[in-house]
């Protein structure tokens, strides 16, 4: 079977990580997985290409000159034909819309993974509403968390088309990693509290910084590190200065050696206000880090309070502070939770398990399908019913 993974990407974050990890594991299962990457006129995603090529994966770049480009649609259709694609797998609203229109003529089976609808701006909200209209006509739609599955259903997608498939990772790259941020953090014997993610409001980094100031009052030898890039970097750096903690907080930008980055931390924190199933949590657990996270999206399925980490409400600076201090003050607790977290990922969230679930889905939909794009049907109800399909 040949699958095209189509994605429009501005960096290397959770969705990109899933695409690369899934493709690598599918290849090992004798399923050819080609990554189709939109190449925008003013942005070339070198990091996704580099990560894919390191793993020996095929990448096909598709030039896109703007929000709507008919030549891009033709280019996708040509890729589908020349690569003998059996199933088109799209990731994100741009890939969903272009992919659906490209796949209509050959009536190719099409599945989308919804990693998260962020609702960041009015423009993004518009495209996500448009996305939901197209997704109603897909053969299958995968959600990476129960919360996203419910959102998909409430947006008008038939429950029979929705599956929940957990994200998975390659554990081997995290188990023996060596710390790589000592020079940047310059923490000496200090304990390091870190976070990873795109620098956008969704990640709750303002609450991370406010909690850092509170922690430093009681634990002045701690060091904090923020790994990732994004539009809010200048704002967050200014906030650190205003809080008087800029000497204790390092912004590293993007990192190409994530296993080494996690190995540099003693405590990992995710302060997000919204999530699907965050890959960074899986990676931190696989790295045997003590984890503090907010109870959003699928995070509570990964962070079991008192077992694999500590959960706090989103936007609660004091709760975040107390959870971080609990780990900083107890090295044996950090080890205990770190080992339990690694065991959970090994048991439930390997990339091979994720790939097997997707492969089964591909095989289910890999048959001729006649599509029409008509007005959406009315929803039968407002609640997600128990018959949603879950693959874990």
Foldseek 3Di string as FASTA:
>chain_A
DEEEEEEEDQECFFVLQLLLLLQLLVVVVVYHYEYEYEDEPVGDHVLSVVSNVVSVHHYHYAYDDDLDDVSSLVVVLVCCVVVVHLEYEYEDLSRLVSVLVSCQVVLHAYEYEDFDQDPQDPVSVVSVLVSLLSNLQHQAYEFQFPVVLLVSQLSFRDLVRYEHFHAFEALPLQADAAADCCVVQVLVPAAEEEEEDEPDVQQQVLLVLLLVLVLCVVVVSYAYEYEEYYDCPVVSCVSNVVSVNNNRYYYDYHDSRVSNNLNNHQEYEGQGPEGANGPVLLSNLSNLHAYEYEPYHCVCVQDPPPAQYHYDHHPDSVVSNVRVVVSSVDVVVSNRNSVRSSVVSVVRHHSNQSSVVVVVVSVVRSDRDNTDSDDRDDRPDNGNDPPRHYRD
